[in-house]
Amino acid sequence: MLTAAAVAFAVAVVSVICWFLVQGKLYDEIDSKLSGQIYTQTVSPTTLRNNLSDCRAPAPPGNFGQQTSPYYAQLVQSDGTTCVRGGAGTIRVTGSDRSLAKAGNAELAKYRNGTDSDGHAIRILTAHVFIQPGVPYPDIVQMVAYPLADTRSTLSELALLLLGVSGVGVIGAGAAGLWIARAGLKPVDELTEAVEHVARTEDLTVRIPVEGEDEIARLSRSFNSMTAALGDSRDRQAQLIADAGHELRTPLTSLRTNIELLARSEETGRPIPPDDRKALMASVKAQMTELAALIGDLQELSRSDATHAPETLNVVALHDIAQSALDRARLRGPELTFAVDLRPWYVQAEPAALERAVINVLDNAVKFSPPGGTIEVALGDGLLTVRDQGPGIPADDLPYVFERFWRSPSARSLPGSGLGLSIVARTVQQSGGDIALNPAPGGGTEAAIRIPGAATPPPAAPPAPDAPPSQEA
């Protein structure tokens, strides 16, 4: 409708302009003919007086009054007296004609539309008669006219033609606009139906066919990408829930068995031997610790990436974090030797998450190192490496070490949830870095963490010397 209205307006404007241009052209042609019918030479006053007193007297030299049809010709005095010299009737004299006769040199000719004595439309030229070049005869003008019947008939036919062409153009534009609108909005309708289907059924496998490179095609691609991402996210969520349930089942089953043994001993009154009871309690404690660690790892993985946005990160000293993690790792492997070379390096990260990541890497090194082995830890130019002397990771397992709950067949008998390296990879990536595990020369595994540096934070200002010592309550 909007297209049809715009085309109708444009066609109407063009048609009106065309009609007025044609009308002006036709009137110009008639005016040119009328200007050839008036006195073209000077006329003596005697001749004019004879023509006014006796209209049957011969007309003066020139075209005026020589052709009786279809032109009108007459002389008019300022008082309205008329002398008809030719034509099918008398031209109706108006006040403007009499005013022109009285005007003298003020105005020499005037074109206008008017009527004859019978009411027929005519084109009129009123002009002065000159007795000398540039000197008009006082109080007398000559009037010639041409009938407008044929001209107006032509203009009426032109108006009907333009109206018909305009109507066809508007109808055609409306039909074309409707077709284009339907064709252009068809992908939008398909997209709307797909969105409604997804909202109604939660079926994220819906895809919209994409054709072309226009905005609708881009919108369809974006929708397909969104549904694919949502589907992958839902699949990962379902997989995480399934894996978490599987991993939680093992410690919970073991806890349930041990607690049932303790409860049955209390109910039956048959005490468990002290050594067995001590081992049973140690097992319960270890399984509770494993369960708590697993739940903590799941909570860490469930945290939104928004909590690790760049504006929430701080500039921290990676060497200090590595040293703190080393202190904790030494407690877990007192029989191991740590070769440490830490150089200052500042990064932009979340301190707690980054320390947890480094501790996870060191815990793996402690877990797989043989008794009396050496763990090499080095930090320089943004690269933190941790090398152990354990059995190493098979080449076939390297692509899967950062996946959630994945554990090497050789490590499934050892404590752990399979989430540690996944948390490490996520934390390092959120800090703008990357991590890789590679076989170390001579055996063992080397973990390499590279994080880009950040501006060194300014040193803390020392306390004022005159400040009084703080008092503790």
Protein backbone atom coordinates (compact mmCIF):
# COMPACT_ATOMS: atom_id res chain seq x y z
CA MET A 1 0.00 0.00 0.00
CA LEU A 2 2.84 2.36 0.81
CA THR A 3 4.51 1.62 -2.53
CA ALA A 4 1.25 2.13 -4.41
CA ALA A 5 0.60 5.40 -2.60
CA ALA A 6 4.11 6.68 -3.36
CA VAL A 7 3.78 5.73 -7.03
CA ALA A 8 0.30 7.27 -7.21
CA PHE A 9 1.62 10.54 -5.80
CA ALA A 10 4.58 10.57 -8.20
CA VAL A 11 2.42 9.71 -11.22
CA ALA A 12 -0.17 12.35 -10.24
CA VAL A 13 2.51 15.03 -9.99
CA VAL A 14 4.05 14.04 -13.32
CA SER A 15 0.64 13.86 -15.01
CA VAL A 16 -0.41 17.30 -13.77
CA ILE A 17 2.89 18.82 -14.86
CA CYS A 18 2.59 17.11 -18.25
CA TRP A 19 -0.98 18.37 -18.72
CA PHE A 20 -0.04 21.96 -17.90
CA LEU A 21 3.00 21.81 -20.17
CA VAL A 22 0.88 20.59 -23.07
CA GLN A 23 -1.75 23.22 -22.35
CA GLY A 24 0.91 25.95 -22.31
CA LYS A 25 2.36 24.67 -25.57
CA LEU A 26 -1.03 24.64 -27.30
CA TYR A 27 -1.84 28.14 -26.04
CA ASP A 28 1.55 29.37 -27.23
CA GLU A 29 0.77 28.05 -30.72
CA ILE A 30 -2.66 29.79 -30.69
CA ASP A 31 -1.09 33.01 -29.39
CA SER A 32 1.45 32.87 -32.21
CA LYS A 33 -1.40 32.54 -34.72
CA LEU A 34 -3.34 35.39 -33.09
CA SER A 35 -0.34 37.71 -33.21
CA GLY A 36 -0.31 37.18 -37.01
CA GLN A 37 -3.94 38.35 -37.34
CA ILE A 38 -3.63 41.86 -35.94
CA TYR A 39 -2.63 45.09 -37.69
CA THR A 40 1.05 44.66 -38.45
CA GLN A 41 1.53 48.17 -39.88
CA THR A 42 0.73 51.67 -38.76
CA VAL A 43 -2.79 52.87 -39.60
CA SER A 44 -3.81 56.42 -40.25
CA PRO A 45 -6.38 57.99 -37.94
CA THR A 46 -8.70 58.58 -40.92
CA THR A 47 -8.80 54.88 -41.78
CA LEU A 48 -9.53 53.97 -38.17
CA ARG A 49 -12.34 56.50 -37.94
CA ASN A 50 -13.90 55.21 -41.19
CA ASN A 51 -13.76 51.62 -39.87
CA LEU A 52 -15.34 52.63 -36.59
CA SER A 53 -18.08 54.69 -38.23
CA ASP A 54 -18.84 52.14 -40.95
CA CYS A 55 -17.80 48.57 -40.20
CA ARG A 56 -18.62 47.67 -43.78
CA ALA A 57 -15.77 49.79 -45.05
CA PRO A 58 -12.75 47.87 -46.40
CA ALA A 59 -10.29 46.77 -43.72
CA PRO A 60 -6.88 48.43 -43.69
CA PRO A 61 -3.90 46.59 -45.18
CA GLY A 62 -2.78 43.57 -43.17
CA ASN A 63 -4.33 40.35 -41.86
CA PHE A 64 -6.87 41.98 -39.58
CA GLY A 65 -10.36 41.05 -40.72
CA GLN A 66 -9.15 39.39 -43.93
CA GLN A 67 -9.96 35.85 -42.80
CA THR A 68 -13.49 35.43 -41.56
CA SER A 69 -13.20 31.83 -40.29
CA PRO A 70 -12.21 30.54 -37.81
CA TYR A 71 -10.81 33.79 -36.41
CA TYR A 72 -12.72 36.62 -34.74
CA ALA A 73 -11.73 40.24 -35.34
CA GLN A 74 -13.14 43.52 -34.00
CA LEU A 75 -12.21 47.05 -32.97
CA VAL A 76 -13.21 48.31 -29.53
CA GLN A 77 -13.26 51.83 -28.11
CA SER A 78 -12.69 52.62 -24.47
CA ASP A 79 -16.43 53.25 -24.00
CA GLY A 80 -17.21 49.70 -25.20
CA THR A 81 -18.29 50.53 -28.76
CA THR A 82 -17.49 47.55 -30.97
CA CYS A 83 -16.88 47.14 -34.69
CA VAL A 84 -16.85 43.49 -35.79
CA ARG A 85 -14.55 42.90 -38.75
CA GLY A 86 -14.72 39.08 -39.10
CA GLY A 87 -15.51 35.76 -37.47
CA ALA A 88 -18.54 33.79 -36.46
CA GLY A 89 -19.60 36.16 -33.74
CA THR A 90 -18.75 38.99 -31.41
CA ILE A 91 -16.06 38.83 -28.77
CA ARG A 92 -17.34 39.75 -25.35
CA VAL A 93 -15.57 42.88 -24.16
CA THR A 94 -14.49 43.03 -20.53
CA GLY A 95 -13.26 45.78 -18.29
CA SER A 96 -9.65 44.73 -18.87
CA ASP A 97 -10.07 45.36 -22.60
CA ARG A 98 -11.47 48.86 -22.01
CA SER A 99 -8.72 49.55 -19.49
CA LEU A 100 -6.12 48.57 -22.06
CA ALA A 101 -7.65 51.07 -24.52
CA LYS A 102 -7.29 53.82 -21.91
CA ALA A 103 -3.81 52.74 -20.82
CA GLY A 104 -1.93 54.28 -23.69
CA ASN A 105 1.68 53.19 -23.67
CA ALA A 106 1.42 51.43 -20.33
CA GLU A 107 0.57 48.05 -21.91
CA LEU A 108 0.59 47.16 -25.62
CA ALA A 109 -1.07 43.67 -25.74
CA LYS A 110 -2.81 41.13 -23.53
CA TYR A 111 -3.71 37.45 -24.02
CA ARG A 112 -6.61 35.85 -22.17
CA ASN A 113 -9.36 33.24 -22.37
CA GLY A 114 -12.90 34.43 -22.89
CA THR A 115 -16.17 33.73 -24.67
CA ASP A 116 -18.00 35.03 -27.71
CA SER A 117 -21.56 36.28 -27.80
CA ASP A 118 -22.82 32.70 -28.06
CA GLY A 119 -20.85 31.53 -25.02
CA HIS A 120 -18.21 29.58 -26.94
CA ALA A 121 -14.75 29.46 -25.38
CA ILE A 122 -12.15 31.43 -27.32
CA ARG A 123 -8.56 32.59 -26.93
CA ILE A 124 -8.36 36.40 -27.18
CA LEU A 125 -5.56 38.84 -28.02
CA THR A 126 -6.21 42.50 -27.26
CA ALA A 127 -3.63 44.95 -28.67
CA HIS A 128 -3.16 48.62 -29.50
CA VAL A 129 -3.39 50.06 -33.01
CA PHE A 130 -0.40 52.24 -33.90
CA ILE A 131 -0.72 55.42 -35.91
CA GLN A 132 3.04 55.86 -35.77
CA PRO A 133 5.79 53.44 -34.72
CA GLY A 134 5.56 53.21 -30.93
CA VAL A 135 2.57 55.62 -30.75
CA PRO A 136 -0.79 53.84 -30.13
CA TYR A 137 -4.09 55.34 -31.22
CA PRO A 138 -5.89 56.72 -28.14
CA ASP A 139 -8.98 54.94 -26.80
CA ILE A 140 -9.01 52.19 -29.47
CA VAL A 141 -7.77 48.60 -29.34
CA GLN A 142 -8.03 45.70 -31.75
CA MET A 143 -9.20 42.26 -30.61
CA VAL A 144 -8.66 38.95 -32.38
CA ALA A 145 -9.72 35.52 -31.11
CA TYR A 146 -9.54 31.81 -31.92
CA PRO A 147 -12.01 29.14 -30.81
CA LEU A 148 -10.75 26.73 -28.09
CA ALA A 149 -13.13 23.84 -28.78
CA ASP A 150 -10.50 21.67 -30.50
CA THR A 151 -7.80 22.63 -27.99
CA ARG A 152 -9.95 21.82 -24.99
CA SER A 153 -11.04 18.56 -26.61
CA THR A 154 -7.37 17.65 -27.04
CA LEU A 155 -6.64 18.55 -23.43
CA SER A 156 -9.61 16.48 -22.22
CA GLU A 157 -8.40 13.48 -24.20
CA LEU A 158 -4.92 13.97 -22.79
CA ALA A 159 -6.33 14.14 -19.26
CA LEU A 160 -8.22 10.87 -19.78
CA LEU A 161 -5.11 9.26 -21.25
CA LEU A 162 -2.95 10.38 -18.33
CA LEU A 163 -5.60 9.23 -15.87
CA GLY A 164 -5.72 5.80 -17.50
CA VAL A 165 -1.94 5.48 -17.62
CA SER A 166 -1.73 6.63 -14.00
CA GLY A 167 -4.32 4.10 -12.92
CA VAL A 168 -2.51 1.28 -14.69
CA GLY A 169 0.78 2.45 -13.18
CA VAL A 170 -0.64 2.62 -9.67
CA ILE A 171 -2.29 -0.79 -9.94
CA GLY A 172 0.88 -2.27 -11.40
CA ALA A 173 3.01 -0.66 -8.69
CA GLY A 174 0.66 -1.92 -6.01
CA ALA A 175 0.76 -5.46 -7.40
CA ALA A 176 4.54 -5.35 -7.76
CA GLY A 177 4.89 -3.93 -4.25
CA LEU A 178 2.66 -6.66 -2.85
CA TRP A 179 4.67 -9.35 -4.63
CA ILE A 180 7.99 -7.87 -3.53
CA ALA A 181 6.76 -7.47 0.05
CA ARG A 182 5.56 -11.06 0.20
CA ALA A 183 8.77 -12.36 -1.37
CA GLY A 184 10.92 -10.20 0.90
CA LEU A 185 9.01 -11.05 4.08
CA LYS A 186 8.76 -14.78 3.40
CA PRO A 187 12.11 -15.47 5.16
CA VAL A 188 10.89 -13.33 8.07
CA ASP A 189 7.72 -15.44 8.26
CA GLU A 190 9.84 -18.59 8.21
CA LEU A 191 12.06 -17.16 10.94
CA THR A 192 9.01 -16.23 13.01
CA GLU A 193 7.56 -19.72 12.62
CA ALA A 194 10.91 -21.24 13.61
CA VAL A 195 11.17 -19.05 16.71
CA GLU A 196 7.61 -19.88 17.71
CA HIS A 197 8.34 -23.59 17.16
CA VAL A 198 11.46 -23.41 19.34
CA ALA A 199 9.57 -21.52 22.06
CA ARG A 200 6.73 -24.05 21.93
CA THR A 201 8.71 -27.30 21.68
CA GLU A 202 12.24 -26.33 22.85
CA ASP A 203 13.50 -28.13 19.75
CA LEU A 204 16.91 -26.57 19.05
CA THR A 205 17.56 -28.68 15.94
CA VAL A 206 15.47 -26.34 13.78
CA ARG A 207 17.43 -24.67 10.98
CA ILE A 208 16.25 -22.07 8.47
CA PRO A 209 17.35 -22.36 4.83
CA VAL A 210 19.65 -19.46 3.94
CA GLU A 211 19.75 -17.96 0.45
CA GLY A 212 21.63 -14.85 -0.66
CA GLU A 213 23.70 -12.32 1.25
CA ASP A 214 21.09 -9.72 2.27
CA GLU A 215 20.02 -8.69 5.76
CA ILE A 216 17.39 -11.45 5.97
CA ALA A 217 20.02 -14.05 5.10
CA ARG A 218 22.32 -12.65 7.78
CA LEU A 219 19.47 -12.78 10.29
CA SER A 220 18.75 -16.40 9.34
CA ARG A 221 22.42 -17.34 9.74
CA SER A 222 22.49 -15.63 13.13
CA PHE A 223 19.40 -17.55 14.22
CA ASN A 224 20.89 -20.84 13.03
CA SER A 225 24.15 -20.07 14.86
CA MET A 226 22.22 -19.16 18.00
CA THR A 227 20.15 -22.35 18.00
CA ALA A 228 23.26 -24.41 17.29
CA ALA A 229 25.11 -22.75 20.18
CA LEU A 230 22.13 -23.23 22.49
CA GLY A 231 21.86 -26.87 21.45
CA ASP A 232 25.56 -27.44 22.10
CA SER A 233 25.26 -25.69 25.45
CA ARG A 234 22.31 -27.85 26.43
CA ASP A 235 24.14 -30.99 25.31
CA ARG A 236 27.21 -29.99 27.33
CA GLN A 237 25.02 -29.26 30.32
CA ALA A 238 23.33 -32.65 30.05
CA GLN A 239 26.72 -34.32 29.65
CA LEU A 240 28.07 -32.44 32.66
CA ILE A 241 25.11 -33.53 34.77
CA ALA A 242 25.50 -37.12 33.64
CA ASP A 243 29.26 -37.12 34.26
CA ALA A 244 28.85 -35.40 37.62
CA GLY A 245 26.21 -37.95 38.64
CA HIS A 246 28.52 -40.77 37.62
CA GLU A 247 31.49 -39.33 39.50
CA LEU A 248 29.41 -38.57 42.60
CA ARG A 249 27.98 -42.08 42.67
CA THR A 250 31.31 -43.74 43.46
CA PRO A 251 32.20 -41.84 46.70
CA LEU A 252 28.58 -41.79 47.79
CA THR A 253 28.27 -45.56 47.36
CA SER A 254 31.47 -46.13 49.27
CA LEU A 255 30.34 -43.75 52.04
CA ARG A 256 26.98 -45.47 52.26
CA THR A 257 28.62 -48.90 52.54
CA ASN A 258 31.03 -47.79 55.26
CA ILE A 259 28.34 -45.97 57.26
CA GLU A 260 26.02 -48.99 56.98
CA LEU A 261 28.80 -51.18 58.39
CA LEU A 262 29.26 -48.80 61.31
CA ALA A 263 25.50 -48.61 61.91
CA ARG A 264 25.09 -52.40 61.76
CA SER A 265 27.91 -52.79 64.28
CA GLU A 266 26.12 -50.45 66.67
CA GLU A 267 22.73 -52.15 66.13
CA THR A 268 23.95 -55.72 66.58
CA GLY A 269 26.32 -54.94 69.44
CA ARG A 270 29.20 -56.70 67.69
CA PRO A 271 32.07 -54.24 67.71
CA ILE A 272 34.40 -53.90 64.77
CA PRO A 273 38.06 -54.68 65.52
CA PRO A 274 39.96 -51.48 66.37
CA ASP A 275 42.27 -51.70 63.35
CA ASP A 276 39.36 -52.32 60.96
CA ARG A 277 37.36 -49.53 62.56
CA LYS A 278 40.30 -47.15 62.23
CA ALA A 279 40.73 -48.07 58.53
CA LEU A 280 36.98 -47.70 58.00
CA MET A 281 36.94 -44.21 59.52
CA ALA A 282 39.98 -43.21 57.45
CA SER A 283 38.17 -44.40 54.33
CA VAL A 284 35.05 -42.39 55.26
CA LYS A 285 37.18 -39.30 55.85
CA ALA A 286 39.04 -39.71 52.53
CA GLN A 287 35.82 -40.21 50.61
CA MET A 288 34.23 -37.16 52.24
CA THR A 289 37.31 -35.14 51.29
CA GLU A 290 37.10 -36.44 47.72
CA LEU A 291 33.38 -35.64 47.61
CA ALA A 292 33.96 -32.11 48.92
CA ALA A 293 36.73 -31.54 46.35
CA LEU A 294 34.49 -32.79 43.55
CA ILE A 295 31.66 -30.50 44.61
CA GLY A 296 34.09 -27.56 44.79
CA ASP A 297 35.37 -28.33 41.29
CA LEU A 298 31.81 -28.49 39.97
CA GLN A 299 31.01 -25.13 41.56
CA GLU A 300 34.10 -23.62 39.96
CA LEU A 301 33.12 -24.94 36.52
CA SER A 302 29.54 -23.69 36.93
CA ARG A 303 30.62 -20.11 37.56
CA SER A 304 29.54 -17.72 34.84
CA ASP A 305 32.17 -16.30 32.52
CA ALA A 306 30.80 -12.85 33.44
CA THR A 307 32.57 -13.18 36.81
CA HIS A 308 35.86 -13.31 34.92
CA ALA A 309 35.20 -10.29 32.69
CA PRO A 310 38.29 -8.12 32.01
CA GLU A 311 37.03 -5.37 34.30
CA THR A 312 36.92 -7.84 37.25
CA LEU A 313 40.54 -8.99 36.79
CA ASN A 314 43.42 -7.54 38.80
CA VAL A 315 47.12 -7.14 38.15
CA VAL A 316 48.79 -9.83 40.27
CA ALA A 317 52.32 -11.15 40.68
CA LEU A 318 52.47 -14.58 39.07
CA HIS A 319 55.76 -15.37 40.82
CA ASP A 320 54.18 -14.76 44.24
CA ILE A 321 51.20 -16.95 43.36
CA ALA A 322 53.52 -19.71 42.13
CA GLN A 323 55.58 -19.49 45.35
CA SER A 324 52.44 -19.77 47.50
CA ALA A 325 51.28 -22.78 45.48
CA LEU A 326 54.72 -24.36 45.89
CA ASP A 327 54.53 -24.01 49.67
CA ARG A 328 51.29 -25.99 49.66
CA ALA A 329 52.64 -28.57 47.19
CA ARG A 330 55.67 -29.25 49.42
CA LEU A 331 53.30 -30.23 52.25
CA ARG A 332 51.61 -32.76 49.98
CA GLY A 333 54.90 -34.26 48.74
CA PRO A 334 57.42 -33.95 51.55
CA GLU A 335 59.54 -36.76 50.08
CA LEU A 336 59.95 -34.91 46.75
CA THR A 337 62.59 -32.40 45.72
CA PHE A 338 61.52 -29.09 44.15
CA ALA A 339 63.92 -27.26 41.81
CA VAL A 340 62.56 -23.71 41.63
CA ASP A 341 63.53 -20.76 39.43
CA LEU A 342 60.92 -17.98 39.62
CA ARG A 343 61.46 -14.60 38.04
CA PRO A 344 59.11 -11.63 38.51
CA TRP A 345 56.15 -11.53 36.13
CA TYR A 346 52.87 -9.63 36.49
CA VAL A 347 49.65 -10.70 34.83
CA GLN A 348 46.01 -9.63 34.77
CA ALA A 349 43.93 -12.37 36.37
CA GLU A 350 41.72 -13.31 39.30
CA PRO A 351 44.19 -14.14 42.12
CA ALA A 352 42.23 -16.96 43.78
CA ALA A 353 41.37 -18.71 40.52
CA LEU A 354 44.92 -18.40 39.18
CA GLU A 355 46.41 -19.80 42.41
CA ARG A 356 43.98 -22.72 42.27
CA ALA A 357 45.06 -23.40 38.67
CA VAL A 358 48.76 -23.44 39.59
CA ILE A 359 48.04 -25.68 42.61
CA ASN A 360 46.16 -28.14 40.37
CA VAL A 361 49.15 -28.37 38.01
CA LEU A 362 51.55 -28.90 40.93
CA ASP A 363 49.21 -31.48 42.52
CA ASN A 364 49.29 -33.50 39.30
CA ALA A 365 53.08 -33.34 39.31
CA VAL A 366 53.17 -34.48 42.96
CA LYS A 367 50.62 -37.23 42.31
CA PHE A 368 52.52 -38.81 39.42
CA SER A 369 56.11 -38.28 40.63
CA PRO A 370 57.92 -41.33 42.01
CA PRO A 371 59.13 -41.26 45.63
CA GLY A 372 62.31 -39.20 45.91
CA GLY A 373 61.68 -37.64 42.49
CA THR A 374 62.32 -34.06 41.48
CA ILE A 375 59.78 -31.50 40.27
CA GLU A 376 61.21 -28.63 38.26
CA VAL A 377 59.31 -25.31 38.40
CA ALA A 378 60.47 -22.32 36.34
CA LEU A 379 58.98 -18.93 35.50
CA GLY A 380 60.48 -16.52 32.98
CA ASP A 381 59.13 -14.12 30.37
CA GLY A 382 55.53 -15.13 31.06
CA LEU A 383 56.14 -18.89 30.70
CA LEU A 384 55.52 -21.05 33.77
CA THR A 385 56.71 -24.65 33.36
CA VAL A 386 56.18 -27.56 35.75
CA ARG A 387 58.03 -30.81 34.94
CA ASP A 388 57.75 -34.09 36.77
CA GLN A 389 59.56 -37.42 36.44
CA GLY A 390 56.45 -39.56 36.36
CA PRO A 391 55.37 -42.11 33.75
CA GLY A 392 54.17 -39.40 31.37
CA ILE A 393 50.97 -39.14 29.35
CA PRO A 394 50.49 -41.42 26.32
CA ALA A 395 50.37 -39.52 23.02
CA ASP A 396 46.87 -40.85 22.32
CA ASP A 397 45.58 -39.32 25.56
CA LEU A 398 47.02 -35.80 25.11
CA PRO A 399 44.03 -34.42 23.08
CA TYR A 400 41.62 -35.30 25.92
CA VAL A 401 43.47 -34.19 29.05
CA PHE A 402 41.58 -30.86 29.32
CA GLU A 403 38.10 -32.37 28.93
CA ARG A 404 35.79 -32.51 31.95
CA PHE A 405 35.85 -35.77 33.95
CA TRP A 406 38.33 -37.35 31.56
CA ARG A 407 40.95 -39.48 33.26
CA SER A 408 43.69 -41.59 31.77
CA PRO A 409 43.18 -45.34 32.26
CA SER A 410 46.47 -45.44 34.17
CA ALA A 411 45.26 -42.75 36.60
CA ARG A 412 41.77 -43.97 37.41
CA SER A 413 43.00 -45.77 40.48
CA LEU A 414 44.44 -42.53 41.89
CA PRO A 415 42.37 -39.93 43.78
CA GLY A 416 40.89 -37.11 41.76
CA SER A 417 37.78 -36.06 39.86
CA GLY A 418 39.13 -35.43 36.38
CA LEU A 419 38.20 -31.75 36.61
CA GLY A 420 41.51 -30.21 37.68
CA LEU A 421 43.07 -29.65 34.25
CA SER A 422 39.72 -28.50 32.86
CA ILE A 423 39.61 -25.78 35.54
CA VAL A 424 43.26 -24.89 34.81
CA ALA A 425 42.58 -24.48 31.07
CA ARG A 426 39.53 -22.34 31.69
CA THR A 427 41.32 -20.06 34.18
CA VAL A 428 44.36 -19.58 31.94
CA GLN A 429 42.21 -18.81 28.89
CA GLN A 430 40.20 -16.24 30.84
CA SER A 431 43.51 -14.54 31.69
CA GLY A 432 44.38 -14.36 27.99
CA GLY A 433 46.89 -17.22 28.06
CA ASP A 434 47.19 -20.83 26.99
CA ILE A 435 48.34 -24.15 28.49
CA ALA A 436 49.87 -27.25 26.96
CA LEU A 437 51.00 -30.65 28.25
CA ASN A 438 53.93 -32.27 26.45
CA PRO A 439 56.18 -35.26 27.04
CA ALA A 440 59.37 -34.10 28.77
CA PRO A 441 62.80 -35.07 27.42
CA GLY A 442 64.06 -38.03 29.40
CA GLY A 443 60.61 -39.02 30.66
CA GLY A 444 57.81 -37.41 32.59
CA THR A 445 55.43 -34.62 31.61
CA GLU A 446 55.96 -30.88 31.26
CA ALA A 447 53.06 -28.45 31.74
CA ALA A 448 53.63 -25.07 30.08
CA ILE A 449 51.43 -22.09 31.01
CA ARG A 450 51.93 -18.86 29.09
CA ILE A 451 50.08 -15.70 30.20
CA PRO A 452 50.69 -12.24 28.69
CA GLY A 453 52.22 -9.67 30.99
CA ALA A 454 50.51 -6.64 32.51
CA ALA A 455 51.72 -3.29 33.78
CA THR A 456 53.56 -3.54 37.08
CA PRO A 457 51.39 -2.19 39.92
CA PRO A 458 52.85 0.82 41.79
CA PRO A 459 54.55 -0.02 45.12
CA ALA A 460 52.56 0.56 48.30
CA ALA A 461 53.37 3.82 50.08
CA PRO A 462 55.30 3.32 53.35
CA PRO A 463 53.55 4.46 56.58
CA ALA A 464 54.24 7.97 57.82
CA PRO A 465 57.05 8.06 60.40
CA ASP A 466 55.03 10.16 62.80
CA ALA A 467 51.98 7.89 62.74
CA PRO A 468 51.18 6.46 66.20
CA PRO A 469 51.40 2.67 66.56
CA SER A 470 48.09 0.89 66.06
CA GLN A 471 46.42 -0.60 69.11
CA GLU A 472 44.64 -3.93 68.94
CA ALA A 473 41.46 -4.39 70.93
